N, C-alpha and C. Protein backbone atom coordinates (compact mmCIF):
# COMPACT_ATOMS: atom_id res chain seq x y z
N MET A 1 44.66 146.89 147.54
CA MET A 1 44.59 147.35 147.64
C MET A 1 43.00 148.36 148.25
N GLN A 2 42.63 149.32 149.08
CA GLN A 2 41.48 148.87 150.07
C GLN A 2 40.33 149.90 149.17
N ILE A 3 39.60 148.66 148.66
CA ILE A 3 37.84 149.42 147.96
C ILE A 3 37.16 149.53 149.42
N ASN A 4 36.12 150.53 149.25
CA ASN A 4 35.35 150.89 150.32
C ASN A 4 33.87 151.19 149.92
N LEU A 5 33.45 150.48 149.80
CA LEU A 5 31.61 150.02 150.03
C LEU A 5 30.83 151.28 150.62
N TYR A 6 29.76 151.96 149.92
CA TYR A 6 28.53 152.61 150.17
C TYR A 6 26.85 152.11 150.63
N ALA A 7 26.42 153.05 151.09
CA ALA A 7 24.90 152.82 151.24
C ALA A 7 24.97 151.78 149.94
N THR A 8 23.76 151.14 148.91
CA THR A 8 23.12 150.35 148.05
C THR A 8 24.90 149.86 147.92
N PHE A 9 25.42 150.15 147.01
CA PHE A 9 26.27 149.94 146.31
C PHE A 9 26.74 148.61 147.44
N ARG A 10 26.90 148.60 149.19
CA ARG A 10 27.35 147.74 150.59
C ARG A 10 26.65 146.54 149.93
N MET A 11 25.55 147.16 150.25
CA MET A 11 24.16 146.67 150.58
C MET A 11 24.11 145.15 148.96
N ILE A 12 24.44 145.47 148.27
CA ILE A 12 24.25 144.81 146.65
C ILE A 12 25.43 143.94 146.45
N ALA A 13 26.44 144.17 147.00
CA ALA A 13 27.54 143.42 147.11
C ALA A 13 27.63 142.49 148.90
N GLY A 14 26.43 143.00 149.67
CA GLY A 14 27.18 142.82 150.54
C GLY A 14 28.39 142.37 151.42
N VAL A 15 29.29 143.42 150.71
CA VAL A 15 30.46 143.99 151.64
C VAL A 15 30.73 145.16 151.76
N LYS A 16 31.60 145.52 153.08
CA LYS A 16 32.12 146.09 153.42
C LYS A 16 32.90 146.65 153.00
N SER A 17 33.91 146.73 152.30
CA SER A 17 35.24 146.28 152.52
C SER A 17 35.41 145.26 150.98
N ILE A 18 36.23 145.14 150.04
CA ILE A 18 36.43 145.01 148.83
C ILE A 18 38.61 144.64 148.97
N GLU A 19 39.26 144.02 149.00
CA GLU A 19 40.14 143.69 148.97
C GLU A 19 41.26 143.48 147.28
N ILE A 20 41.19 144.61 146.95
CA ILE A 20 42.02 142.97 145.52
C ILE A 20 43.12 144.32 145.04
N ASP A 21 44.87 142.90 144.55
CA ASP A 21 45.31 142.68 144.19
C ASP A 21 46.05 144.11 142.88
N LEU A 22 46.69 145.60 142.51
CA LEU A 22 47.07 146.26 141.52
C LEU A 22 48.05 146.03 140.78
N ALA A 23 47.98 145.84 139.74
CA ALA A 23 50.08 145.33 139.00
C ALA A 23 50.42 146.55 139.00
N GLU A 24 51.06 147.93 139.22
CA GLU A 24 52.30 148.17 139.45
C GLU A 24 51.76 149.37 137.19
N GLY A 25 50.60 150.23 137.45
CA GLY A 25 50.78 151.60 136.85
C GLY A 25 48.59 151.05 135.92
N GLU A 26 48.70 150.03 137.02
CA GLU A 26 47.21 150.59 136.55
C GLU A 26 46.63 150.52 137.79
N THR A 27 45.43 151.51 136.41
CA THR A 27 44.89 152.83 136.96
C THR A 27 42.73 152.44 137.77
N VAL A 28 42.36 153.37 137.27
CA VAL A 28 41.58 152.75 138.47
C VAL A 28 40.13 152.24 137.66
N ARG A 29 39.85 152.80 136.98
CA ARG A 29 39.06 151.41 135.31
C ARG A 29 39.35 150.30 135.05
N ALA A 30 40.81 150.12 135.11
CA ALA A 30 41.30 148.84 135.68
C ALA A 30 40.99 148.31 136.70
N ALA A 31 40.65 149.20 137.92
CA ALA A 31 40.94 148.31 139.13
C ALA A 31 38.74 147.97 139.42
N VAL A 32 37.53 148.83 138.62
CA VAL A 32 36.72 148.76 138.48
C VAL A 32 36.82 147.55 137.85
N GLN A 33 36.13 147.35 136.74
CA GLN A 33 36.72 146.01 136.36
C GLN A 33 36.80 144.90 137.34
N LYS A 34 38.49 144.52 138.37
CA LYS A 34 38.56 143.83 139.11
C LYS A 34 37.69 143.53 139.99
N ILE A 35 37.11 144.02 140.80
CA ILE A 35 35.67 144.20 141.33
C ILE A 35 35.09 143.88 140.78
N ILE A 36 34.40 144.86 139.28
CA ILE A 36 33.17 143.93 138.81
C ILE A 36 32.96 141.83 138.50
N LYS A 37 34.29 141.76 138.65
CA LYS A 37 34.81 141.10 138.61
C LYS A 37 34.68 139.45 139.37
N LYS A 38 35.28 140.78 140.95
CA LYS A 38 35.06 139.35 141.84
C LYS A 38 33.79 139.54 142.52
N TYR A 39 32.85 140.53 142.63
CA TYR A 39 31.42 140.60 143.06
C TYR A 39 30.53 141.06 141.81
N PRO A 40 30.82 140.07 140.35
CA PRO A 40 29.74 140.78 139.19
C PRO A 40 27.94 141.46 139.47
N VAL A 41 27.29 141.37 140.76
CA VAL A 41 26.22 141.38 141.08
C VAL A 41 26.30 143.49 141.31
N LEU A 42 27.93 143.89 141.14
CA LEU A 42 27.74 145.69 140.89
C LEU A 42 27.60 145.44 139.99
N ARG A 43 27.63 145.06 138.62
CA ARG A 43 28.12 145.53 136.72
C ARG A 43 27.24 146.01 136.31
N SER A 44 25.31 145.73 137.26
CA SER A 44 24.61 146.95 135.90
C SER A 44 24.01 147.52 136.67
N HIS A 45 24.39 147.55 138.24
CA HIS A 45 25.03 149.21 138.66
C HIS A 45 25.79 150.37 138.96
N TRP A 46 27.22 149.61 138.11
CA TRP A 46 27.98 150.46 138.04
C TRP A 46 27.60 151.00 136.81
N THR A 47 27.54 150.32 135.30
CA THR A 47 28.33 150.06 133.80
C THR A 47 27.21 149.88 132.83
N ASP A 48 26.88 150.41 132.06
CA ASP A 48 25.90 150.39 131.02
C ASP A 48 27.06 148.58 130.23
N ASP A 49 26.03 148.33 129.05
CA ASP A 49 25.54 148.14 128.08
C ASP A 49 26.94 147.35 127.94
N SER A 50 27.95 148.55 127.15
CA SER A 50 29.44 148.53 126.18
C SER A 50 30.73 148.36 128.34
N GLY A 51 29.96 148.52 129.14
CA GLY A 51 30.63 148.52 130.22
C GLY A 51 31.47 150.08 130.51
N ALA A 52 30.87 151.01 129.59
CA ALA A 52 31.46 153.01 130.33
C ALA A 52 30.42 152.96 131.98
N LEU A 53 31.70 153.17 132.12
CA LEU A 53 30.95 153.42 133.67
C LEU A 53 29.81 154.31 134.08
N TYR A 54 28.52 153.81 134.70
CA TYR A 54 27.80 154.92 134.67
C TYR A 54 27.89 156.60 135.49
N PRO A 55 27.20 157.87 134.58
CA PRO A 55 27.96 159.07 135.61
C PRO A 55 27.43 159.13 137.08
N HIS A 56 25.74 158.29 137.92
CA HIS A 56 26.30 158.50 138.66
C HIS A 56 26.43 157.36 139.37
N VAL A 57 27.85 156.70 139.64
CA VAL A 57 28.46 156.13 140.23
C VAL A 57 29.65 157.10 141.00
N HIS A 58 30.14 157.74 141.44
CA HIS A 58 30.88 158.49 142.69
C HIS A 58 32.05 158.00 142.81
N ILE A 59 32.90 157.81 142.73
CA ILE A 59 34.34 156.98 143.07
C ILE A 59 34.55 158.14 143.50
N LEU A 60 36.03 158.01 144.62
CA LEU A 60 36.27 158.29 144.88
C LEU A 60 38.17 158.04 145.36
N VAL A 61 39.85 158.67 144.94
CA VAL A 61 40.70 157.85 144.82
C VAL A 61 41.31 158.84 145.93
N ASN A 62 41.58 158.17 146.87
CA ASN A 62 41.92 158.88 148.35
C ASN A 62 41.43 160.47 148.74
N GLY A 63 39.42 160.51 148.69
CA GLY A 63 39.37 161.11 149.68
C GLY A 63 39.23 161.98 147.82
N SER A 64 39.15 162.36 146.90
CA SER A 64 39.76 163.09 145.70
C SER A 64 38.48 162.51 144.78
N ASP A 65 37.75 163.48 144.28
CA ASP A 65 36.67 162.67 143.14
C ASP A 65 37.03 162.61 142.55
N VAL A 66 37.44 161.24 141.07
CA VAL A 66 37.67 160.95 140.46
C VAL A 66 37.96 162.33 138.85
N ASP A 67 36.71 162.17 139.37
CA ASP A 67 36.58 163.12 137.62
C ASP A 67 36.75 164.81 138.15
N THR A 68 37.24 164.61 138.89
CA THR A 68 38.36 166.20 139.86
C THR A 68 40.24 166.01 139.75
N LEU A 69 40.49 164.51 139.03
CA LEU A 69 42.09 164.28 138.78
C LEU A 69 42.62 164.29 137.13
N PRO A 70 43.16 164.80 136.87
CA PRO A 70 43.62 165.54 135.91
C PRO A 70 43.56 163.89 134.79
N ASP A 71 43.05 163.52 135.21
CA ASP A 71 43.34 161.71 134.18
C ASP A 71 41.82 161.17 134.58
N GLN A 72 41.04 161.16 135.25
CA GLN A 72 40.11 161.27 135.51
C GLN A 72 39.80 159.50 135.93
N ILE A 73 38.87 158.75 136.05
CA ILE A 73 38.38 157.09 135.65
C ILE A 73 40.35 156.59 134.82
N ASP A 74 41.37 157.71 134.90
CA ASP A 74 42.39 157.17 133.96
C ASP A 74 43.95 157.53 134.88
N THR A 75 43.83 157.92 136.09
CA THR A 75 44.24 157.49 136.97
C THR A 75 44.65 156.55 137.27
N VAL A 76 46.13 156.34 137.72
CA VAL A 76 46.92 155.98 138.23
C VAL A 76 47.32 155.45 139.30
N LEU A 77 46.80 153.88 139.90
CA LEU A 77 46.54 154.24 141.49
C LEU A 77 48.24 153.40 142.32
N LYS A 78 48.40 153.53 143.09
CA LYS A 78 49.30 153.05 143.74
C LYS A 78 49.08 152.31 144.43
N PRO A 79 50.14 150.51 145.59
CA PRO A 79 48.55 150.26 146.20
C PRO A 79 48.20 150.52 147.99
N THR A 80 48.82 151.86 148.15
CA THR A 80 48.02 152.77 148.88
C THR A 80 47.27 153.51 148.68
N ASP A 81 46.61 153.31 147.69
CA ASP A 81 45.95 154.27 147.16
C ASP A 81 43.82 153.99 147.81
N SER A 82 43.72 154.89 148.20
CA SER A 82 42.12 153.85 148.83
C SER A 82 40.89 154.04 147.49
N LEU A 83 39.86 153.88 147.93
CA LEU A 83 38.81 154.03 146.21
C LEU A 83 37.60 153.96 147.38
N ASP A 84 36.66 154.70 147.17
CA ASP A 84 35.60 154.67 147.78
C ASP A 84 35.25 154.84 146.43
N PHE A 85 33.98 154.06 146.83
CA PHE A 85 32.01 153.86 145.21
C PHE A 85 31.10 154.33 146.17
N PHE A 86 31.14 155.64 145.62
CA PHE A 86 28.92 155.89 146.84
C PHE A 86 27.49 156.33 145.69
N PRO A 87 26.74 155.67 145.73
CA PRO A 87 25.85 155.87 144.68
C PRO A 87 24.89 157.33 144.80
N PRO A 88 24.05 157.59 144.09
CA PRO A 88 23.92 158.74 143.67
C PRO A 88 22.91 159.22 144.55
N VAL A 89 23.09 160.40 145.58
CA VAL A 89 22.52 160.31 146.99
C VAL A 89 21.37 161.62 146.29
N ALA A 90 19.69 161.49 146.92
CA ALA A 90 18.92 163.03 146.78
C ALA A 90 18.75 163.54 147.83
N GLY A 91 18.61 164.22 148.35
CA GLY A 91 18.03 164.61 149.33
C GLY A 91 17.01 166.04 149.35
N GLY A 92 17.00 166.47 150.64
CA GLY A 92 15.65 168.10 150.45
C GLY A 92 15.75 168.52 151.67
């Protein structure tokens, strides 16, 4: 599965994209945990002490915001899906 990191997440991890293997039926939540395991430096930027994803971490599944999907972070992924991770954006 293709994972793309943007802006500060890219700088923190030191990579633009990540490849991970997902088993049949694994979810966005499982993908997040696999990414954090592979790049532990992202943990404090993505999750709180209990492991809950911060609301400011924006995840897109094939271009759709995970929060708009029926199962949200528990959306089941296919190996051909892509995930994009964006930090909070501010502007004026």
